Amino acid sequence: MLENNSTAFVFIVVLYDNKSEEQSFRESLRNMLDVACGCLKNKISTLEKIVGLAFIPDELHFSLGEDFILLKCENWNENDIKYYEDQNQHYRFWKQKIQPQIKNYDEFPKA
């Protein structure tokens, strides 16, 4: 997280099964990313911005690329909370025993 812990980053890596149509898969991936970011805001109410990036590893399917979201959530309200809770019934982001790792940018290894 950055800026006094008001900005967070969500990364999702998804394997593409080659059975779904690409357009349908991309729409699902974008929805998944949006829900993951919104549910993180519900879990950490102090966040004001969430940057999300979802991608398929290049070696598996190069042409699908990445999806990006910038969720500005300074004015989060009860409707937003309910919407993301409802959308999360399928995914259950941040509800499993595995909890998000929250690190500041200076805690990552130096290159």
N, C-alpha and C. Protein backbone atom coordinates (compact mmCIF):
# COMPACT_ATOMS: atom_id res chain seq x y z
N MET A 1 0.84 -1.17 0.00
CA MET A 1 0.00 0.00 0.00
C MET A 1 0.88 1.24 0.00
N LEU A 2 0.34 2.33 -0.51
CA LEU A 2 1.07 3.58 -0.62
C LEU A 2 0.28 4.73 -0.02
N GLU A 3 0.89 5.88 -0.01
CA GLU A 3 0.25 7.13 0.40
C GLU A 3 -0.51 6.98 1.72
N ASN A 4 0.24 6.78 2.79
CA ASN A 4 -0.36 6.66 4.12
C ASN A 4 -1.40 5.54 4.16
N ASN A 5 -1.11 4.47 3.47
CA ASN A 5 -1.98 3.29 3.45
C ASN A 5 -3.36 3.56 2.86
N SER A 6 -3.48 4.52 1.97
CA SER A 6 -4.78 4.81 1.35
C SER A 6 -4.90 4.21 -0.05
N THR A 7 -3.82 3.66 -0.60
CA THR A 7 -3.83 3.04 -1.93
C THR A 7 -3.35 1.60 -1.80
N ALA A 8 -4.07 0.69 -2.44
CA ALA A 8 -3.69 -0.73 -2.41
C ALA A 8 -3.63 -1.26 -3.84
N PHE A 9 -2.93 -2.37 -4.01
CA PHE A 9 -2.79 -3.03 -5.30
C PHE A 9 -3.30 -4.46 -5.19
N VAL A 10 -4.05 -4.89 -6.20
CA VAL A 10 -4.57 -6.26 -6.27
C VAL A 10 -4.04 -6.86 -7.57
N PHE A 11 -3.41 -8.03 -7.46
CA PHE A 11 -2.91 -8.74 -8.63
C PHE A 11 -3.61 -10.09 -8.71
N ILE A 12 -4.13 -10.41 -9.89
CA ILE A 12 -4.78 -11.69 -10.11
C ILE A 12 -4.14 -12.35 -11.33
N VAL A 13 -3.70 -13.58 -11.18
CA VAL A 13 -3.17 -14.36 -12.29
C VAL A 13 -4.16 -15.49 -12.54
N VAL A 14 -4.64 -15.60 -13.78
CA VAL A 14 -5.66 -16.58 -14.12
C VAL A 14 -5.18 -17.43 -15.28
N LEU A 15 -5.42 -18.72 -15.20
CA LEU A 15 -5.11 -19.62 -16.31
C LEU A 15 -6.31 -19.67 -17.25
N TYR A 16 -6.06 -19.52 -18.52
CA TYR A 16 -7.10 -19.58 -19.54
C TYR A 16 -7.19 -21.01 -20.04
N ASP A 17 -8.39 -21.57 -20.00
CA ASP A 17 -8.56 -22.99 -20.32
C ASP A 17 -8.73 -23.30 -21.81
N ASN A 18 -8.76 -22.28 -22.65
CA ASN A 18 -8.96 -22.43 -24.10
C ASN A 18 -10.30 -23.05 -24.46
N LYS A 19 -11.18 -23.26 -23.50
CA LYS A 19 -12.51 -23.80 -23.78
C LYS A 19 -13.54 -22.69 -23.88
N SER A 20 -13.28 -21.58 -23.22
CA SER A 20 -14.20 -20.45 -23.23
C SER A 20 -13.89 -19.56 -24.43
N GLU A 21 -14.91 -18.87 -24.91
CA GLU A 21 -14.65 -17.86 -25.94
C GLU A 21 -13.86 -16.74 -25.29
N GLU A 22 -12.91 -16.19 -26.05
CA GLU A 22 -12.03 -15.17 -25.48
C GLU A 22 -12.80 -13.97 -24.95
N GLN A 23 -13.80 -13.50 -25.68
CA GLN A 23 -14.55 -12.31 -25.25
C GLN A 23 -15.28 -12.60 -23.93
N SER A 24 -15.89 -13.74 -23.83
CA SER A 24 -16.59 -14.13 -22.60
C SER A 24 -15.61 -14.26 -21.44
N PHE A 25 -14.45 -14.85 -21.73
CA PHE A 25 -13.43 -15.01 -20.69
C PHE A 25 -12.93 -13.66 -20.20
N ARG A 26 -12.69 -12.73 -21.12
CA ARG A 26 -12.20 -11.39 -20.74
C ARG A 26 -13.24 -10.66 -19.89
N GLU A 27 -14.52 -10.77 -20.26
CA GLU A 27 -15.57 -10.13 -19.47
C GLU A 27 -15.61 -10.71 -18.05
N SER A 28 -15.46 -12.01 -17.95
CA SER A 28 -15.43 -12.66 -16.62
C SER A 28 -14.21 -12.20 -15.83
N LEU A 29 -13.08 -12.09 -16.50
CA LEU A 29 -11.85 -11.65 -15.84
C LEU A 29 -11.98 -10.22 -15.32
N ARG A 30 -12.55 -9.34 -16.14
CA ARG A 30 -12.76 -7.95 -15.72
C ARG A 30 -13.71 -7.88 -14.52
N ASN A 31 -14.77 -8.68 -14.56
CA ASN A 31 -15.71 -8.70 -13.44
C ASN A 31 -15.02 -9.22 -12.18
N MET A 32 -14.23 -10.27 -12.32
CA MET A 32 -13.51 -10.83 -11.18
C MET A 32 -12.59 -9.79 -10.55
N LEU A 33 -11.90 -9.04 -11.39
CA LEU A 33 -10.98 -8.02 -10.90
C LEU A 33 -11.73 -6.90 -10.18
N ASP A 34 -12.84 -6.47 -10.76
CA ASP A 34 -13.66 -5.42 -10.14
C ASP A 34 -14.16 -5.88 -8.77
N VAL A 35 -14.65 -7.10 -8.70
CA VAL A 35 -15.18 -7.63 -7.44
C VAL A 35 -14.06 -7.76 -6.39
N ALA A 36 -12.91 -8.25 -6.81
CA ALA A 36 -11.79 -8.39 -5.87
C ALA A 36 -11.40 -7.03 -5.28
N CYS A 37 -11.35 -6.01 -6.13
CA CYS A 37 -10.98 -4.67 -5.66
C CYS A 37 -12.07 -4.09 -4.75
N GLY A 38 -13.33 -4.22 -5.15
CA GLY A 38 -14.42 -3.70 -4.33
C GLY A 38 -14.51 -4.39 -2.97
N CYS A 39 -14.28 -5.69 -2.96
CA CYS A 39 -14.33 -6.43 -1.69
C CYS A 39 -13.15 -6.10 -0.79
N LEU A 40 -12.02 -5.75 -1.39
CA LEU A 40 -10.90 -5.31 -0.56
C LEU A 40 -11.25 -3.99 0.12
N LYS A 41 -11.92 -3.10 -0.60
CA LYS A 41 -12.36 -1.85 0.01
C LYS A 41 -13.32 -2.13 1.16
N ASN A 42 -14.23 -3.09 0.97
CA ASN A 42 -15.14 -3.44 2.05
C ASN A 42 -14.38 -3.96 3.27
N LYS A 43 -13.30 -4.67 3.03
CA LYS A 43 -12.51 -5.25 4.13
C LYS A 43 -11.63 -4.20 4.81
N ILE A 44 -11.08 -3.27 4.02
CA ILE A 44 -10.19 -2.23 4.56
C ILE A 44 -10.80 -0.87 4.23
N SER A 45 -11.60 -0.38 5.13
CA SER A 45 -12.42 0.80 4.85
C SER A 45 -11.61 2.08 4.64
N THR A 46 -10.36 2.12 5.09
CA THR A 46 -9.55 3.34 4.96
C THR A 46 -9.00 3.55 3.55
N LEU A 47 -9.13 2.56 2.67
CA LEU A 47 -8.59 2.71 1.31
C LEU A 47 -9.37 3.76 0.53
N GLU A 48 -8.64 4.55 -0.25
CA GLU A 48 -9.25 5.56 -1.11
C GLU A 48 -9.10 5.22 -2.59
N LYS A 49 -8.05 4.46 -2.93
CA LYS A 49 -7.81 4.03 -4.31
C LYS A 49 -7.31 2.59 -4.28
N ILE A 50 -7.81 1.81 -5.24
CA ILE A 50 -7.32 0.44 -5.39
C ILE A 50 -6.98 0.24 -6.86
N VAL A 51 -5.75 -0.19 -7.10
CA VAL A 51 -5.27 -0.47 -8.45
C VAL A 51 -5.28 -1.98 -8.61
N GLY A 52 -5.99 -2.46 -9.61
CA GLY A 52 -6.07 -3.90 -9.84
C GLY A 52 -5.50 -4.26 -11.19
N LEU A 53 -4.80 -5.38 -11.25
CA LEU A 53 -4.22 -5.88 -12.50
C LEU A 53 -4.48 -7.38 -12.56
N ALA A 54 -5.12 -7.83 -13.62
CA ALA A 54 -5.35 -9.25 -13.85
C ALA A 54 -4.68 -9.63 -15.16
N PHE A 55 -4.02 -10.77 -15.15
CA PHE A 55 -3.38 -11.19 -16.40
C PHE A 55 -3.29 -12.70 -16.50
N ILE A 56 -3.10 -13.14 -17.72
CA ILE A 56 -2.89 -14.54 -18.06
C ILE A 56 -1.42 -14.67 -18.40
N PRO A 57 -0.70 -15.61 -17.81
CA PRO A 57 0.72 -15.74 -18.12
C PRO A 57 0.97 -15.84 -19.63
N ASP A 58 1.92 -15.05 -20.14
CA ASP A 58 2.20 -14.98 -21.58
C ASP A 58 2.46 -16.33 -22.21
N GLU A 59 3.19 -17.17 -21.53
CA GLU A 59 3.54 -18.44 -22.15
C GLU A 59 2.32 -19.33 -22.36
N LEU A 60 1.22 -19.02 -21.68
CA LEU A 60 0.02 -19.83 -21.84
C LEU A 60 -0.92 -19.30 -22.92
N HIS A 61 -1.05 -18.00 -23.00
CA HIS A 61 -1.95 -17.44 -24.02
C HIS A 61 -1.63 -15.97 -24.22
N PHE A 62 -0.70 -15.69 -25.08
CA PHE A 62 -0.16 -14.35 -25.27
C PHE A 62 -1.22 -13.33 -25.68
N SER A 63 -2.15 -13.70 -26.54
CA SER A 63 -3.04 -12.71 -27.14
C SER A 63 -4.06 -12.12 -26.18
N LEU A 64 -4.26 -12.69 -25.03
CA LEU A 64 -5.30 -12.18 -24.14
C LEU A 64 -4.87 -10.96 -23.35
N GLY A 65 -3.59 -10.77 -23.12
CA GLY A 65 -3.11 -9.55 -22.48
C GLY A 65 -3.50 -9.42 -21.03
N GLU A 66 -3.70 -8.16 -20.59
CA GLU A 66 -3.99 -7.84 -19.20
C GLU A 66 -5.25 -6.99 -19.10
N ASP A 67 -5.78 -6.95 -17.91
CA ASP A 67 -6.86 -6.04 -17.58
C ASP A 67 -6.45 -5.22 -16.38
N PHE A 68 -6.86 -3.96 -16.38
CA PHE A 68 -6.45 -2.99 -15.37
C PHE A 68 -7.69 -2.28 -14.85
N ILE A 69 -7.70 -1.98 -13.56
CA ILE A 69 -8.78 -1.18 -13.00
C ILE A 69 -8.19 -0.21 -11.98
N LEU A 70 -8.72 1.00 -11.98
CA LEU A 70 -8.42 1.97 -10.93
C LEU A 70 -9.76 2.26 -10.26
N LEU A 71 -9.92 1.76 -9.06
CA LEU A 71 -11.15 1.95 -8.32
C LEU A 71 -10.95 3.10 -7.33
N LYS A 72 -11.58 4.22 -7.63
CA LYS A 72 -11.53 5.36 -6.71
C LYS A 72 -12.70 5.20 -5.75
N CYS A 73 -12.37 5.06 -4.49
CA CYS A 73 -13.42 4.70 -3.53
C CYS A 73 -13.42 5.59 -2.30
N GLU A 74 -13.15 6.88 -2.49
CA GLU A 74 -13.16 7.82 -1.37
C GLU A 74 -14.57 8.00 -0.83
N ASN A 75 -15.56 7.91 -1.70
CA ASN A 75 -16.95 8.17 -1.32
C ASN A 75 -17.76 6.87 -1.28
N TRP A 76 -17.24 5.86 -0.65
CA TRP A 76 -17.87 4.55 -0.56
C TRP A 76 -19.12 4.66 0.30
N ASN A 77 -20.21 4.06 -0.14
CA ASN A 77 -21.44 4.15 0.64
C ASN A 77 -22.07 2.77 0.82
N GLU A 78 -23.19 2.72 1.50
CA GLU A 78 -23.86 1.44 1.79
C GLU A 78 -24.24 0.69 0.52
N ASN A 79 -24.63 1.41 -0.53
CA ASN A 79 -24.97 0.75 -1.80
C ASN A 79 -23.75 0.05 -2.39
N ASP A 80 -22.59 0.70 -2.32
CA ASP A 80 -21.35 0.08 -2.82
C ASP A 80 -21.01 -1.17 -2.01
N ILE A 81 -21.10 -1.06 -0.70
CA ILE A 81 -20.80 -2.20 0.17
C ILE A 81 -21.70 -3.37 -0.17
N LYS A 82 -22.99 -3.13 -0.27
CA LYS A 82 -23.96 -4.19 -0.57
C LYS A 82 -23.72 -4.78 -1.95
N TYR A 83 -23.46 -3.92 -2.94
CA TYR A 83 -23.23 -4.40 -4.31
C TYR A 83 -22.06 -5.40 -4.33
N TYR A 84 -20.94 -5.03 -3.73
CA TYR A 84 -19.77 -5.90 -3.77
C TYR A 84 -19.93 -7.13 -2.88
N GLU A 85 -20.68 -7.02 -1.80
CA GLU A 85 -20.98 -8.21 -1.01
C GLU A 85 -21.80 -9.21 -1.83
N ASP A 86 -22.80 -8.70 -2.55
CA ASP A 86 -23.63 -9.56 -3.40
C ASP A 86 -22.82 -10.19 -4.53
N GLN A 87 -21.99 -9.37 -5.18
CA GLN A 87 -21.18 -9.87 -6.30
C GLN A 87 -20.17 -10.92 -5.84
N ASN A 88 -19.78 -10.85 -4.57
CA ASN A 88 -18.74 -11.73 -4.05
C ASN A 88 -19.27 -13.09 -3.59
N GLN A 89 -20.56 -13.32 -3.70
CA GLN A 89 -21.11 -14.61 -3.27
C GLN A 89 -20.45 -15.76 -4.03
N HIS A 90 -20.17 -15.56 -5.30
CA HIS A 90 -19.54 -16.60 -6.12
C HIS A 90 -18.04 -16.73 -5.84
N TYR A 91 -17.33 -15.62 -5.81
CA TYR A 91 -15.87 -15.66 -5.70
C TYR A 91 -15.38 -15.89 -4.27
N ARG A 92 -16.04 -15.25 -3.31
CA ARG A 92 -15.64 -15.31 -1.90
C ARG A 92 -14.24 -14.73 -1.65
N PHE A 93 -13.92 -13.62 -2.36
CA PHE A 93 -12.64 -12.95 -2.14
C PHE A 93 -12.53 -12.50 -0.69
N TRP A 94 -11.36 -12.70 -0.13
CA TRP A 94 -10.98 -12.26 1.21
C TRP A 94 -11.80 -12.96 2.30
N LYS A 95 -12.45 -14.06 1.98
CA LYS A 95 -13.24 -14.79 2.97
C LYS A 95 -12.62 -16.13 3.34
N GLN A 96 -11.72 -16.64 2.51
CA GLN A 96 -11.07 -17.90 2.83
C GLN A 96 -10.03 -17.69 3.92
N LYS A 97 -9.45 -18.77 4.39
CA LYS A 97 -8.44 -18.68 5.44
C LYS A 97 -7.20 -17.93 4.97
N ILE A 98 -6.95 -17.96 3.67
CA ILE A 98 -5.80 -17.21 3.14
C ILE A 98 -6.19 -15.74 3.12
N GLN A 99 -5.48 -14.94 3.85
CA GLN A 99 -5.77 -13.52 3.93
C GLN A 99 -4.77 -12.74 3.07
N PRO A 100 -5.17 -11.56 2.62
CA PRO A 100 -4.25 -10.78 1.79
C PRO A 100 -3.00 -10.40 2.56
N GLN A 101 -1.89 -10.38 1.85
CA GLN A 101 -0.66 -9.89 2.43
C GLN A 101 -0.60 -8.40 2.17
N ILE A 102 -0.48 -7.64 3.20
CA ILE A 102 -0.43 -6.19 3.05
C ILE A 102 0.98 -5.75 3.37
N LYS A 103 1.63 -5.17 2.36
CA LYS A 103 3.00 -4.70 2.52
C LYS A 103 3.11 -3.28 1.98
N ASN A 104 3.97 -2.52 2.57
CA ASN A 104 4.32 -1.22 2.02
C ASN A 104 5.36 -1.42 0.93
N TYR A 105 5.43 -0.50 -0.02
CA TYR A 105 6.35 -0.65 -1.14
C TYR A 105 7.79 -0.81 -0.70
N ASP A 106 8.17 -0.25 0.44
CA ASP A 106 9.56 -0.35 0.89
C ASP A 106 9.85 -1.69 1.58
N GLU A 107 8.85 -2.55 1.73
CA GLU A 107 9.05 -3.86 2.33
C GLU A 107 9.37 -4.94 1.30
N PHE A 108 9.24 -4.63 0.01
CA PHE A 108 9.56 -5.59 -1.02
C PHE A 108 11.05 -5.66 -1.21
N PRO A 109 11.58 -6.80 -1.65
CA PRO A 109 13.03 -6.91 -1.87
C PRO A 109 13.52 -5.90 -2.91
N LYS A 110 14.68 -5.39 -2.70
CA LYS A 110 15.28 -4.46 -3.65
C LYS A 110 15.87 -5.24 -4.82
N ALA A 111 15.70 -4.72 -6.01
CA ALA A 111 16.21 -5.41 -7.21
C ALA A 111 17.71 -5.18 -7.37
